[in-house]
């Protein structure tokens, strides 16, 4: 961002591969925080603001090879810039805790580890669009390939573009998220997410509660 952000709220992001259960756990964490009197804004990426949602439609539809990987990275960051400027920053400055389903780590995992975009290029784009803006806490939900396949297979309706990527891509993405967590252990917490919803939710609450102390 072009100027330092005075955060009155906190910015928590959920990350992980397909079928990790992020959307469900985002809602549960928001309910848990609001029950404790904390104002919460729930959002997602790609998307989260009108312009960013238009870009989302381009990214999740069509065939797997629809975009050149670097062009795809640029689209994600265009959407992210709009989202952060229009929605995330105003909410934080107003004192809300913002919980976001995916953020910049997904681009590193999907386009970097998954599609081979050089990490230095991603870092350059991130600096140009976000400056030093980053989450306060990132929860990475990790599931086995077997769990991912079962959960995706049980979803109603068709699969989106990323869900239709081949198995090798999903393996690289999972490895990417684990590597991201290892490189930034102060910000990132890896949450085993193969278990039932309540068990995963308790692990997330423990991680957030510890971060609040």
N, C-alpha and C. Protein backbone atom coordinates (compact mmCIF):
# COMPACT_ATOMS: atom_id res chain seq x y z
N UNK A 1 0.85 -1.19 0.00
CA UNK A 1 0.00 0.00 0.00
C UNK A 1 0.88 1.24 0.00
N UNK A 2 0.33 2.35 -0.45
CA UNK A 2 1.14 3.55 -0.62
C UNK A 2 1.48 4.24 0.69
N UNK A 3 0.72 3.97 1.76
CA UNK A 3 0.99 4.60 3.05
C UNK A 3 0.75 3.59 4.16
N UNK A 4 1.40 3.78 5.33
CA UNK A 4 1.21 2.81 6.43
C UNK A 4 -0.25 2.75 6.86
N UNK A 5 -0.71 1.55 7.16
CA UNK A 5 -2.09 1.35 7.61
C UNK A 5 -2.12 1.30 9.13
N UNK A 6 -2.96 2.13 9.71
CA UNK A 6 -3.20 2.07 11.15
C UNK A 6 -4.33 1.07 11.38
N UNK A 7 -3.99 -0.11 11.86
CA UNK A 7 -4.98 -1.17 12.00
C UNK A 7 -5.61 -1.10 13.39
N UNK A 8 -6.90 -0.95 13.40
CA UNK A 8 -7.65 -1.05 14.64
C UNK A 8 -8.22 -2.46 14.79
N UNK A 9 -8.38 -3.15 13.66
CA UNK A 9 -8.82 -4.54 13.68
C UNK A 9 -7.66 -5.47 13.37
N UNK A 10 -7.96 -6.75 13.12
CA UNK A 10 -6.94 -7.72 12.75
C UNK A 10 -7.35 -8.39 11.45
N UNK A 11 -6.35 -8.82 10.69
CA UNK A 11 -6.57 -9.43 9.38
C UNK A 11 -6.13 -10.89 9.45
N UNK A 12 -7.11 -11.79 9.37
CA UNK A 12 -6.85 -13.23 9.44
C UNK A 12 -7.21 -13.86 8.10
N UNK A 13 -6.29 -14.64 7.56
CA UNK A 13 -6.56 -15.31 6.29
C UNK A 13 -6.58 -16.82 6.45
N UNK A 14 -7.42 -17.46 5.67
CA UNK A 14 -7.48 -18.92 5.58
C UNK A 14 -6.90 -19.36 4.25
N UNK A 15 -6.04 -20.35 4.29
CA UNK A 15 -5.42 -20.87 3.09
C UNK A 15 -5.50 -22.38 3.06
N UNK A 16 -5.21 -22.96 1.90
CA UNK A 16 -5.23 -24.40 1.75
C UNK A 16 -5.69 -24.79 0.36
N UNK A 17 -5.48 -26.04 0.03
CA UNK A 17 -5.87 -26.54 -1.28
C UNK A 17 -7.38 -26.75 -1.38
N UNK A 18 -7.79 -27.29 -2.51
CA UNK A 18 -9.21 -27.56 -2.74
C UNK A 18 -9.70 -28.61 -1.74
N UNK A 19 -10.94 -28.44 -1.28
CA UNK A 19 -11.52 -29.41 -0.36
C UNK A 19 -11.01 -29.32 1.06
N UNK A 20 -10.32 -28.24 1.40
CA UNK A 20 -9.77 -28.12 2.76
C UNK A 20 -10.82 -27.71 3.79
N UNK A 21 -11.97 -27.23 3.34
CA UNK A 21 -13.02 -26.83 4.27
C UNK A 21 -12.92 -25.39 4.73
N UNK A 22 -12.24 -24.56 3.96
CA UNK A 22 -12.02 -23.18 4.37
C UNK A 22 -13.31 -22.40 4.56
N UNK A 23 -14.21 -22.48 3.61
CA UNK A 23 -15.44 -21.68 3.68
C UNK A 23 -16.25 -21.98 4.94
N UNK A 24 -16.35 -23.26 5.28
CA UNK A 24 -17.07 -23.65 6.49
C UNK A 24 -16.38 -23.11 7.73
N UNK A 25 -15.06 -23.24 7.79
CA UNK A 25 -14.32 -22.81 8.97
C UNK A 25 -14.26 -21.29 9.10
N UNK A 26 -14.26 -20.59 7.98
CA UNK A 26 -14.33 -19.12 8.03
C UNK A 26 -15.61 -18.69 8.74
N UNK A 27 -16.73 -19.29 8.37
CA UNK A 27 -18.01 -18.92 8.99
C UNK A 27 -18.02 -19.25 10.48
N UNK A 28 -17.48 -20.42 10.83
CA UNK A 28 -17.47 -20.82 12.24
C UNK A 28 -16.58 -19.91 13.08
N UNK A 29 -15.43 -19.53 12.54
CA UNK A 29 -14.56 -18.62 13.29
C UNK A 29 -15.21 -17.25 13.44
N UNK A 30 -15.87 -16.78 12.40
CA UNK A 30 -16.56 -15.49 12.49
C UNK A 30 -17.62 -15.53 13.59
N UNK A 31 -18.38 -16.62 13.65
CA UNK A 31 -19.41 -16.75 14.69
C UNK A 31 -18.77 -16.77 16.08
N UNK A 32 -17.65 -17.48 16.20
CA UNK A 32 -16.96 -17.60 17.49
C UNK A 32 -16.46 -16.24 17.96
N UNK A 33 -15.89 -15.46 17.05
CA UNK A 33 -15.39 -14.14 17.41
C UNK A 33 -16.53 -13.17 17.74
N UNK A 34 -17.59 -13.22 16.93
CA UNK A 34 -18.71 -12.29 17.18
C UNK A 34 -19.39 -12.61 18.51
N UNK A 35 -19.41 -13.87 18.90
CA UNK A 35 -19.98 -14.24 20.20
C UNK A 35 -19.16 -13.65 21.35
N UNK A 36 -17.93 -13.26 21.06
CA UNK A 36 -17.07 -12.63 22.06
C UNK A 36 -17.03 -11.12 21.91
N UNK A 37 -17.96 -10.59 21.13
CA UNK A 37 -18.10 -9.15 21.01
C UNK A 37 -17.15 -8.49 20.03
N UNK A 38 -16.53 -9.28 19.17
CA UNK A 38 -15.58 -8.73 18.20
C UNK A 38 -16.29 -8.51 16.86
N UNK A 39 -16.27 -7.30 16.31
CA UNK A 39 -16.89 -7.07 15.00
C UNK A 39 -16.08 -7.76 13.91
N UNK A 40 -16.77 -8.46 13.02
CA UNK A 40 -16.09 -9.28 12.01
C UNK A 40 -16.63 -8.95 10.62
N UNK A 41 -15.72 -8.87 9.67
CA UNK A 41 -16.06 -8.75 8.25
C UNK A 41 -15.52 -9.99 7.56
N UNK A 42 -16.39 -10.75 6.88
CA UNK A 42 -15.98 -11.97 6.18
C UNK A 42 -15.92 -11.67 4.69
N UNK A 43 -14.84 -12.10 4.04
CA UNK A 43 -14.69 -11.85 2.62
C UNK A 43 -13.92 -13.00 1.97
N UNK A 44 -13.61 -12.87 0.69
CA UNK A 44 -12.95 -13.97 -0.02
C UNK A 44 -12.09 -13.43 -1.15
N UNK A 45 -11.20 -14.30 -1.63
CA UNK A 45 -10.43 -14.02 -2.83
C UNK A 45 -10.37 -15.26 -3.71
N UNK A 46 -10.20 -15.09 -5.03
CA UNK A 46 -10.37 -13.81 -5.70
C UNK A 46 -11.80 -13.30 -5.54
N UNK A 47 -11.95 -12.00 -5.43
CA UNK A 47 -13.26 -11.40 -5.24
C UNK A 47 -13.28 -10.52 -4.01
N UNK A 48 -14.46 -10.37 -3.43
CA UNK A 48 -14.59 -9.61 -2.20
C UNK A 48 -15.02 -8.17 -2.39
N UNK A 49 -14.90 -7.66 -3.60
CA UNK A 49 -15.38 -6.32 -3.93
C UNK A 49 -15.91 -6.38 -5.36
N UNK A 50 -16.74 -5.42 -5.79
CA UNK A 50 -17.38 -5.56 -7.11
C UNK A 50 -16.40 -5.80 -8.26
N UNK A 51 -15.36 -4.98 -8.36
CA UNK A 51 -14.41 -5.17 -9.45
C UNK A 51 -13.67 -6.48 -9.34
N UNK A 52 -13.29 -6.86 -8.13
CA UNK A 52 -12.57 -8.10 -7.92
C UNK A 52 -13.44 -9.32 -8.24
N UNK A 53 -14.74 -9.23 -7.97
CA UNK A 53 -15.63 -10.34 -8.30
C UNK A 53 -15.73 -10.54 -9.81
N UNK A 54 -15.65 -9.45 -10.57
CA UNK A 54 -15.67 -9.57 -12.03
C UNK A 54 -14.42 -10.31 -12.51
N UNK A 55 -13.27 -10.02 -11.91
CA UNK A 55 -12.05 -10.73 -12.27
C UNK A 55 -12.14 -12.19 -11.84
N UNK A 56 -12.74 -12.45 -10.68
CA UNK A 56 -12.91 -13.83 -10.20
C UNK A 56 -13.60 -14.70 -11.26
N UNK A 57 -14.64 -14.15 -11.87
CA UNK A 57 -15.37 -14.92 -12.87
C UNK A 57 -14.47 -15.34 -14.03
N UNK A 58 -13.51 -14.51 -14.37
CA UNK A 58 -12.56 -14.86 -15.43
C UNK A 58 -11.60 -15.96 -14.98
N UNK A 59 -11.25 -15.95 -13.70
CA UNK A 59 -10.21 -16.85 -13.20
C UNK A 59 -10.72 -18.27 -12.93
N UNK A 60 -11.94 -18.41 -12.46
CA UNK A 60 -12.39 -19.74 -12.04
C UNK A 60 -13.17 -20.49 -13.10
N UNK A 61 -13.44 -19.85 -14.24
CA UNK A 61 -14.19 -20.52 -15.31
C UNK A 61 -13.26 -20.84 -16.47
N UNK A 62 -13.73 -21.72 -17.36
CA UNK A 62 -12.95 -22.08 -18.53
C UNK A 62 -12.03 -23.26 -18.27
N UNK A 63 -11.18 -23.53 -19.24
CA UNK A 63 -10.29 -24.68 -19.16
C UNK A 63 -9.04 -24.35 -18.34
N UNK A 64 -8.35 -25.41 -17.90
CA UNK A 64 -7.19 -25.24 -17.05
C UNK A 64 -6.11 -24.37 -17.65
N UNK A 65 -5.88 -24.49 -18.95
CA UNK A 65 -4.83 -23.74 -19.61
C UNK A 65 -5.31 -22.44 -20.23
N UNK A 66 -6.41 -21.92 -19.73
CA UNK A 66 -6.99 -20.71 -20.32
C UNK A 66 -6.04 -19.53 -20.28
N UNK A 67 -5.27 -19.39 -19.21
CA UNK A 67 -4.40 -18.25 -19.01
C UNK A 67 -2.94 -18.66 -19.00
N UNK A 68 -2.08 -17.83 -19.57
CA UNK A 68 -0.66 -17.94 -19.33
C UNK A 68 -0.44 -17.74 -17.83
N UNK A 69 0.42 -18.54 -17.18
CA UNK A 69 0.55 -18.44 -15.72
C UNK A 69 0.90 -17.05 -15.19
N UNK A 70 1.77 -16.32 -15.89
CA UNK A 70 2.09 -14.98 -15.42
C UNK A 70 0.90 -14.04 -15.59
N UNK A 71 0.19 -14.16 -16.70
CA UNK A 71 -1.01 -13.35 -16.88
C UNK A 71 -2.03 -13.66 -15.79
N UNK A 72 -2.14 -14.93 -15.43
CA UNK A 72 -3.06 -15.33 -14.36
C UNK A 72 -2.66 -14.71 -13.03
N UNK A 73 -1.36 -14.67 -12.76
CA UNK A 73 -0.86 -14.04 -11.55
C UNK A 73 -1.23 -12.56 -11.51
N UNK A 74 -1.05 -11.89 -12.63
CA UNK A 74 -1.39 -10.46 -12.71
C UNK A 74 -2.88 -10.23 -12.47
N UNK A 75 -3.72 -11.12 -12.98
CA UNK A 75 -5.17 -10.99 -12.74
C UNK A 75 -5.48 -11.13 -11.25
N UNK A 76 -4.84 -12.10 -10.60
CA UNK A 76 -5.07 -12.27 -9.16
C UNK A 76 -4.68 -11.02 -8.38
N UNK A 77 -3.55 -10.43 -8.74
CA UNK A 77 -3.13 -9.25 -8.01
C UNK A 77 -3.93 -8.01 -8.36
N UNK A 78 -4.45 -7.95 -9.57
CA UNK A 78 -5.37 -6.85 -9.90
C UNK A 78 -6.62 -6.94 -9.03
N UNK A 79 -7.17 -8.15 -8.92
CA UNK A 79 -8.33 -8.35 -8.06
C UNK A 79 -7.99 -8.07 -6.61
N UNK A 80 -6.81 -8.51 -6.17
CA UNK A 80 -6.40 -8.33 -4.77
C UNK A 80 -6.25 -6.86 -4.42
N UNK A 81 -5.63 -6.09 -5.31
CA UNK A 81 -5.48 -4.66 -5.05
C UNK A 81 -6.83 -3.99 -4.86
N UNK A 82 -7.77 -4.29 -5.76
CA UNK A 82 -9.13 -3.72 -5.65
C UNK A 82 -9.77 -4.12 -4.33
N UNK A 83 -9.63 -5.39 -3.98
CA UNK A 83 -10.25 -5.92 -2.77
C UNK A 83 -9.68 -5.25 -1.52
N UNK A 84 -8.37 -5.16 -1.46
CA UNK A 84 -7.72 -4.57 -0.28
C UNK A 84 -8.08 -3.09 -0.14
N UNK A 85 -8.01 -2.36 -1.23
CA UNK A 85 -8.27 -0.92 -1.18
C UNK A 85 -9.74 -0.62 -0.89
N UNK A 86 -10.63 -1.36 -1.54
CA UNK A 86 -12.06 -1.05 -1.44
C UNK A 86 -12.72 -1.63 -0.20
N UNK A 87 -12.20 -2.76 0.30
CA UNK A 87 -12.95 -3.43 1.37
C UNK A 87 -12.11 -3.74 2.60
N UNK A 88 -10.95 -4.36 2.42
CA UNK A 88 -10.20 -4.83 3.58
C UNK A 88 -9.68 -3.67 4.42
N UNK A 89 -8.99 -2.74 3.80
CA UNK A 89 -8.42 -1.62 4.55
C UNK A 89 -9.50 -0.79 5.26
N UNK A 90 -10.60 -0.41 4.58
CA UNK A 90 -11.64 0.35 5.30
C UNK A 90 -12.20 -0.40 6.50
N UNK A 91 -12.37 -1.72 6.37
CA UNK A 91 -12.90 -2.50 7.49
C UNK A 91 -11.92 -2.53 8.65
N UNK A 92 -10.64 -2.72 8.38
CA UNK A 92 -9.64 -2.73 9.44
C UNK A 92 -9.55 -1.38 10.13
N UNK A 93 -9.58 -0.31 9.34
CA UNK A 93 -9.49 1.02 9.93
C UNK A 93 -10.72 1.35 10.78
N UNK A 94 -11.86 0.70 10.45
CA UNK A 94 -13.08 0.91 11.24
C UNK A 94 -13.10 0.05 12.50
N UNK A 95 -12.11 -0.82 12.66
CA UNK A 95 -12.02 -1.62 13.87
C UNK A 95 -12.50 -3.05 13.76
N UNK A 96 -12.91 -3.48 12.56
CA UNK A 96 -13.38 -4.85 12.38
C UNK A 96 -12.20 -5.82 12.24
N UNK A 97 -12.44 -7.06 12.62
CA UNK A 97 -11.53 -8.13 12.29
C UNK A 97 -11.97 -8.68 10.94
N UNK A 98 -11.06 -8.70 9.98
CA UNK A 98 -11.38 -9.18 8.65
C UNK A 98 -10.89 -10.61 8.51
N UNK A 99 -11.80 -11.51 8.14
CA UNK A 99 -11.45 -12.91 7.89
C UNK A 99 -11.63 -13.16 6.40
N UNK A 100 -10.55 -13.55 5.75
CA UNK A 100 -10.57 -13.70 4.29
C UNK A 100 -10.28 -15.13 3.88
N UNK A 101 -11.14 -15.68 3.05
CA UNK A 101 -10.97 -17.00 2.46
C UNK A 101 -10.03 -16.85 1.26
N UNK A 102 -8.75 -17.10 1.49
CA UNK A 102 -7.62 -16.98 0.56
C UNK A 102 -7.09 -15.55 0.51
N UNK A 103 -5.76 -15.47 0.29
CA UNK A 103 -5.11 -14.18 0.07
C UNK A 103 -3.83 -14.45 -0.73
N UNK A 104 -2.79 -13.67 -0.51
CA UNK A 104 -1.61 -13.74 -1.37
C UNK A 104 -0.89 -15.08 -1.33
N UNK A 105 -0.95 -15.79 -0.22
CA UNK A 105 -0.29 -17.10 -0.16
C UNK A 105 -0.85 -18.07 -1.20
N UNK A 106 -2.13 -17.91 -1.53
CA UNK A 106 -2.71 -18.78 -2.55
C UNK A 106 -2.06 -18.55 -3.90
N UNK A 107 -1.72 -17.31 -4.21
CA UNK A 107 -1.06 -17.04 -5.49
C UNK A 107 0.33 -17.66 -5.52
N UNK A 108 1.05 -17.57 -4.40
CA UNK A 108 2.37 -18.20 -4.34
C UNK A 108 2.24 -19.71 -4.50
N UNK A 109 1.25 -20.32 -3.83
CA UNK A 109 1.08 -21.77 -3.89
C UNK A 109 0.57 -22.23 -5.25
N UNK A 110 -0.46 -21.57 -5.76
CA UNK A 110 -1.09 -22.02 -7.01
C UNK A 110 -0.30 -21.61 -8.25
N UNK A 111 0.06 -20.34 -8.34
CA UNK A 111 0.76 -19.89 -9.55
C UNK A 111 2.27 -20.10 -9.45
N UNK A 112 2.82 -20.00 -8.24
CA UNK A 112 4.25 -20.24 -8.06
C UNK A 112 4.59 -21.72 -8.02
N UNK A 113 4.21 -22.39 -6.93
CA UNK A 113 4.50 -23.82 -6.82
C UNK A 113 3.72 -24.65 -7.83
N UNK A 114 2.46 -24.29 -8.05
CA UNK A 114 1.61 -25.11 -8.92
C UNK A 114 1.88 -24.93 -10.40
N UNK A 115 2.09 -23.68 -10.84
CA UNK A 115 2.20 -23.40 -12.27
C UNK A 115 3.59 -22.93 -12.70
N UNK A 116 4.48 -22.75 -11.74
CA UNK A 116 5.86 -22.47 -12.11
C UNK A 116 6.23 -21.02 -12.36
N UNK A 117 5.38 -20.07 -11.97
CA UNK A 117 5.77 -18.67 -12.09
C UNK A 117 6.92 -18.41 -11.11
N UNK A 118 8.02 -17.80 -11.57
CA UNK A 118 9.14 -17.55 -10.65
C UNK A 118 8.73 -16.75 -9.43
N UNK A 119 9.21 -17.16 -8.28
CA UNK A 119 8.81 -16.52 -7.04
C UNK A 119 9.24 -15.05 -6.98
N UNK A 120 10.37 -14.72 -7.59
CA UNK A 120 10.81 -13.33 -7.58
C UNK A 120 9.87 -12.44 -8.38
N UNK A 121 9.26 -12.99 -9.44
CA UNK A 121 8.28 -12.21 -10.19
C UNK A 121 7.03 -11.97 -9.35
N UNK A 122 6.58 -13.00 -8.64
CA UNK A 122 5.42 -12.83 -7.77
C UNK A 122 5.71 -11.81 -6.68
N UNK A 123 6.90 -11.88 -6.10
CA UNK A 123 7.27 -10.94 -5.05
C UNK A 123 7.30 -9.50 -5.57
N UNK A 124 7.77 -9.32 -6.79
CA UNK A 124 7.81 -7.98 -7.38
C UNK A 124 6.41 -7.44 -7.59
N UNK A 125 5.52 -8.28 -8.10
CA UNK A 125 4.14 -7.87 -8.32
C UNK A 125 3.46 -7.55 -6.99
N UNK A 126 3.72 -8.38 -5.99
CA UNK A 126 3.11 -8.14 -4.68
C UNK A 126 3.58 -6.81 -4.09
N UNK A 127 4.86 -6.53 -4.18
CA UNK A 127 5.36 -5.28 -3.64
C UNK A 127 4.73 -4.08 -4.35
N UNK A 128 4.57 -4.19 -5.67
CA UNK A 128 4.00 -3.08 -6.44
C UNK A 128 2.53 -2.85 -6.11
N UNK A 129 1.80 -3.91 -5.81
CA UNK A 129 0.35 -3.78 -5.59
C UNK A 129 -0.03 -3.62 -4.12
N UNK A 130 0.73 -4.26 -3.22
CA UNK A 130 0.36 -4.27 -1.80
C UNK A 130 1.39 -3.63 -0.88
N UNK A 131 2.57 -3.34 -1.39
CA UNK A 131 3.62 -2.84 -0.51
C UNK A 131 3.94 -3.88 0.55
N UNK A 132 3.94 -3.48 1.81
CA UNK A 132 4.20 -4.43 2.89
C UNK A 132 2.96 -4.96 3.57
N UNK A 133 1.78 -4.72 2.98
CA UNK A 133 0.53 -5.15 3.61
C UNK A 133 0.46 -6.67 3.63
N UNK A 134 0.16 -7.24 4.80
CA UNK A 134 0.11 -8.69 4.97
C UNK A 134 -0.84 -9.04 6.10
N UNK A 135 -1.30 -10.29 6.16
CA UNK A 135 -2.17 -10.71 7.26
C UNK A 135 -1.45 -10.69 8.60
N UNK A 136 -2.23 -10.54 9.67
CA UNK A 136 -1.70 -10.70 11.02
C UNK A 136 -1.53 -12.17 11.37
N UNK A 137 -2.42 -13.01 10.86
CA UNK A 137 -2.40 -14.44 11.14
C UNK A 137 -2.94 -15.18 9.93
N UNK A 138 -2.26 -16.25 9.54
CA UNK A 138 -2.72 -17.09 8.43
C UNK A 138 -2.89 -18.52 8.91
N UNK A 139 -4.08 -19.07 8.69
CA UNK A 139 -4.41 -20.45 9.06
C UNK A 139 -4.43 -21.29 7.79
N UNK A 140 -3.50 -22.22 7.70
CA UNK A 140 -3.40 -23.08 6.52
C UNK A 140 -4.02 -24.42 6.84
N UNK A 141 -5.15 -24.71 6.21
CA UNK A 141 -5.85 -25.98 6.43
C UNK A 141 -5.27 -27.03 5.50
N UNK A 142 -4.72 -28.07 6.09
CA UNK A 142 -4.02 -29.10 5.31
C UNK A 142 -4.82 -30.39 5.31
N UNK A 143 -5.13 -30.89 4.10
CA UNK A 143 -5.85 -32.16 3.98
C UNK A 143 -5.07 -33.10 3.07
N UNK A 144 -5.27 -34.39 3.28
CA UNK A 144 -4.62 -35.40 2.44
C UNK A 144 -5.28 -35.42 1.06
N UNK A 145 -4.59 -35.96 0.07
CA UNK A 145 -5.20 -36.09 -1.26
C UNK A 145 -6.50 -36.89 -1.22
N UNK A 146 -6.56 -37.92 -0.38
CA UNK A 146 -7.77 -38.73 -0.31
C UNK A 146 -8.96 -37.91 0.19
N UNK A 147 -8.73 -37.12 1.23
CA UNK A 147 -9.81 -36.28 1.76
C UNK A 147 -10.23 -35.25 0.73
N UNK A 148 -9.24 -34.63 0.07
CA UNK A 148 -9.57 -33.63 -0.96
C UNK A 148 -10.44 -34.23 -2.04
N UNK A 149 -10.07 -35.39 -2.53
CA UNK A 149 -10.83 -36.02 -3.61
C UNK A 149 -12.25 -36.36 -3.17
N UNK A 150 -12.40 -36.87 -1.95
CA UNK A 150 -13.73 -37.21 -1.44
C UNK A 150 -14.61 -35.97 -1.31
N UNK A 151 -14.05 -34.90 -0.76
CA UNK A 151 -14.85 -33.70 -0.55
C UNK A 151 -15.22 -33.01 -1.86
N UNK A 152 -14.29 -32.95 -2.77
CA UNK A 152 -14.61 -32.33 -4.07
C UNK A 152 -15.64 -33.16 -4.80
N UNK A 153 -15.48 -34.47 -4.73
CA UNK A 153 -16.43 -35.35 -5.41
C UNK A 153 -17.84 -35.27 -4.86
N UNK A 154 -17.96 -34.86 -3.60
CA UNK A 154 -19.28 -34.78 -2.97
C UNK A 154 -19.96 -33.43 -3.19
N UNK A 155 -19.27 -32.48 -3.79
CA UNK A 155 -19.86 -31.16 -3.97
C UNK A 155 -20.93 -31.19 -5.05
N UNK A 156 -22.04 -30.49 -4.81
CA UNK A 156 -23.08 -30.41 -5.85
C UNK A 156 -22.63 -29.49 -6.98
N UNK A 157 -23.13 -29.75 -8.18
CA UNK A 157 -22.79 -28.89 -9.31
C UNK A 157 -21.43 -29.24 -9.90
N UNK A 158 -21.04 -28.50 -10.91
CA UNK A 158 -19.77 -28.76 -11.58
C UNK A 158 -18.59 -28.21 -10.82
N UNK A 159 -17.41 -28.67 -11.20
CA UNK A 159 -16.17 -28.21 -10.57
C UNK A 159 -15.67 -26.95 -11.26
N UNK A 160 -15.00 -26.07 -10.48
CA UNK A 160 -14.44 -24.88 -11.11
C UNK A 160 -13.10 -25.21 -11.76
N UNK A 161 -12.51 -24.21 -12.37
CA UNK A 161 -11.29 -24.41 -13.16
C UNK A 161 -10.15 -25.00 -12.34
N UNK A 162 -9.96 -24.50 -11.13
CA UNK A 162 -8.86 -25.01 -10.30
C UNK A 162 -9.14 -26.42 -9.80
N UNK A 163 -10.36 -26.70 -9.45
CA UNK A 163 -10.71 -28.04 -8.98
C UNK A 163 -10.48 -29.09 -10.06
N UNK A 164 -10.55 -28.68 -11.33
CA UNK A 164 -10.36 -29.63 -12.44
C UNK A 164 -8.90 -29.83 -12.82
N UNK A 165 -7.98 -29.12 -12.18
CA UNK A 165 -6.56 -29.32 -12.48
C UNK A 165 -6.13 -30.74 -12.12
N UNK A 166 -5.05 -31.22 -12.74
CA UNK A 166 -4.64 -32.61 -12.53
C UNK A 166 -4.04 -32.83 -11.13
N UNK A 167 -3.88 -34.10 -10.77
CA UNK A 167 -3.44 -34.45 -9.43
C UNK A 167 -2.05 -33.89 -9.11
N UNK A 168 -1.15 -33.92 -10.08
CA UNK A 168 0.20 -33.42 -9.84
C UNK A 168 0.18 -31.95 -9.45
N UNK A 169 -0.70 -31.18 -10.06
CA UNK A 169 -0.84 -29.76 -9.71
C UNK A 169 -1.27 -29.63 -8.25
N UNK A 170 -2.26 -30.39 -7.82
CA UNK A 170 -2.74 -30.28 -6.45
C UNK A 170 -1.69 -30.72 -5.43
N UNK A 171 -0.87 -31.69 -5.79
CA UNK A 171 0.22 -32.11 -4.91
C UNK A 171 1.22 -30.98 -4.75
N UNK A 172 1.56 -30.31 -5.84
CA UNK A 172 2.50 -29.18 -5.77
C UNK A 172 1.93 -28.04 -4.93
N UNK A 173 0.65 -27.78 -5.07
CA UNK A 173 0.02 -26.73 -4.28
C UNK A 173 0.09 -27.05 -2.80
N UNK A 174 -0.23 -28.27 -2.44
CA UNK A 174 -0.16 -28.66 -1.02
C UNK A 174 1.25 -28.50 -0.48
N UNK A 175 2.23 -28.98 -1.22
CA UNK A 175 3.62 -28.84 -0.80
C UNK A 175 4.00 -27.36 -0.69
N UNK A 176 3.45 -26.54 -1.58
CA UNK A 176 3.72 -25.12 -1.54
C UNK A 176 3.22 -24.47 -0.27
N UNK A 177 2.02 -24.80 0.14
CA UNK A 177 1.49 -24.21 1.38
C UNK A 177 2.32 -24.62 2.60
N UNK A 178 2.76 -25.86 2.64
CA UNK A 178 3.59 -26.30 3.76
C UNK A 178 4.92 -25.55 3.76
N UNK A 179 5.47 -25.32 2.58
CA UNK A 179 6.73 -24.57 2.48
C UNK A 179 6.54 -23.12 2.91
N UNK A 180 5.43 -22.51 2.53
CA UNK A 180 5.12 -21.14 2.93
C UNK A 180 5.06 -21.02 4.44
N UNK A 181 4.39 -21.99 5.08
CA UNK A 181 4.28 -21.98 6.54
C UNK A 181 5.64 -22.11 7.20
N UNK A 182 6.49 -22.96 6.64
CA UNK A 182 7.82 -23.16 7.22
C UNK A 182 8.68 -21.90 7.11
N UNK A 183 8.47 -21.13 6.06
CA UNK A 183 9.25 -19.91 5.86
C UNK A 183 8.77 -18.75 6.73
N UNK A 184 7.53 -18.81 7.20
CA UNK A 184 6.97 -17.71 8.01
C UNK A 184 6.19 -18.27 9.19
N UNK A 185 6.88 -18.93 10.13
CA UNK A 185 6.17 -19.60 11.22
C UNK A 185 5.52 -18.64 12.21
N UNK A 186 5.96 -17.40 12.29
CA UNK A 186 5.33 -16.45 13.20
C UNK A 186 3.93 -16.07 12.75
N UNK A 187 3.73 -16.01 11.43
CA UNK A 187 2.42 -15.63 10.89
C UNK A 187 1.52 -16.83 10.63
N UNK A 188 2.10 -17.93 10.20
CA UNK A 188 1.32 -19.06 9.69
C UNK A 188 1.16 -20.18 10.73
N UNK A 189 -0.03 -20.77 10.75
CA UNK A 189 -0.30 -21.96 11.55
C UNK A 189 -0.90 -23.02 10.62
N UNK A 190 -0.30 -24.19 10.60
CA UNK A 190 -0.85 -25.29 9.82
C UNK A 190 -1.84 -26.06 10.68
N UNK A 191 -3.07 -26.18 10.18
CA UNK A 191 -4.14 -26.86 10.92
C UNK A 191 -4.48 -28.16 10.19
N UNK A 192 -4.23 -29.33 10.78
CA UNK A 192 -4.66 -30.58 10.13
C UNK A 192 -6.18 -30.57 9.98
N UNK A 193 -6.66 -30.77 8.76
CA UNK A 193 -8.08 -30.56 8.49
C UNK A 193 -8.78 -31.79 7.92
N UNK A 194 -8.19 -32.99 8.11
CA UNK A 194 -8.86 -34.21 7.65
C UNK A 194 -10.00 -34.61 8.58
N UNK A 195 -9.99 -34.11 9.80
CA UNK A 195 -10.98 -34.52 10.79
C UNK A 195 -12.34 -33.90 10.59
N UNK A 196 -13.22 -34.14 11.56
CA UNK A 196 -14.58 -33.61 11.46
C UNK A 196 -14.57 -32.10 11.69
N UNK A 197 -15.66 -31.46 11.30
CA UNK A 197 -15.75 -29.99 11.32
C UNK A 197 -15.49 -29.43 12.71
N UNK A 198 -16.09 -30.04 13.74
CA UNK A 198 -15.96 -29.52 15.10
C UNK A 198 -14.53 -29.60 15.60
N UNK A 199 -13.84 -30.70 15.29
CA UNK A 199 -12.46 -30.86 15.73
C UNK A 199 -11.55 -29.82 15.09
N UNK A 200 -11.74 -29.60 13.80
CA UNK A 200 -10.94 -28.60 13.09
C UNK A 200 -11.24 -27.20 13.64
N UNK A 201 -12.52 -26.93 13.89
CA UNK A 201 -12.90 -25.61 14.43
C UNK A 201 -12.25 -25.35 15.77
N UNK A 202 -12.17 -26.35 16.63
CA UNK A 202 -11.53 -26.17 17.94
C UNK A 202 -10.04 -25.87 17.78
N UNK A 203 -9.39 -26.54 16.84
CA UNK A 203 -7.96 -26.29 16.61
C UNK A 203 -7.75 -24.86 16.11
N UNK A 204 -8.65 -24.38 15.27
CA UNK A 204 -8.56 -23.00 14.78
C UNK A 204 -8.79 -22.01 15.91
N UNK A 205 -9.79 -22.27 16.73
CA UNK A 205 -10.05 -21.38 17.87
C UNK A 205 -8.86 -21.33 18.82
N UNK A 206 -8.21 -22.46 19.04
CA UNK A 206 -7.03 -22.48 19.89
C UNK A 206 -5.92 -21.63 19.30
N UNK A 207 -5.72 -21.72 17.97
CA UNK A 207 -4.68 -20.95 17.31
C UNK A 207 -4.97 -19.46 17.37
N UNK A 208 -6.23 -19.08 17.13
CA UNK A 208 -6.60 -17.66 17.17
C UNK A 208 -6.53 -17.15 18.60
N UNK A 209 -7.01 -17.95 19.55
CA UNK A 209 -6.97 -17.53 20.94
C UNK A 209 -5.55 -17.30 21.44
N UNK A 210 -4.63 -18.18 21.02
CA UNK A 210 -3.23 -18.02 21.41
C UNK A 210 -2.63 -16.76 20.80
N UNK A 211 -3.05 -16.46 19.57
CA UNK A 211 -2.56 -15.24 18.89
C UNK A 211 -3.09 -13.98 19.54
N UNK A 212 -4.25 -14.08 20.19
CA UNK A 212 -4.86 -12.92 20.83
C UNK A 212 -4.22 -12.58 22.17
N UNK A 213 -3.49 -13.52 22.76
CA UNK A 213 -2.94 -13.32 24.12
C UNK A 213 -1.75 -12.36 24.10
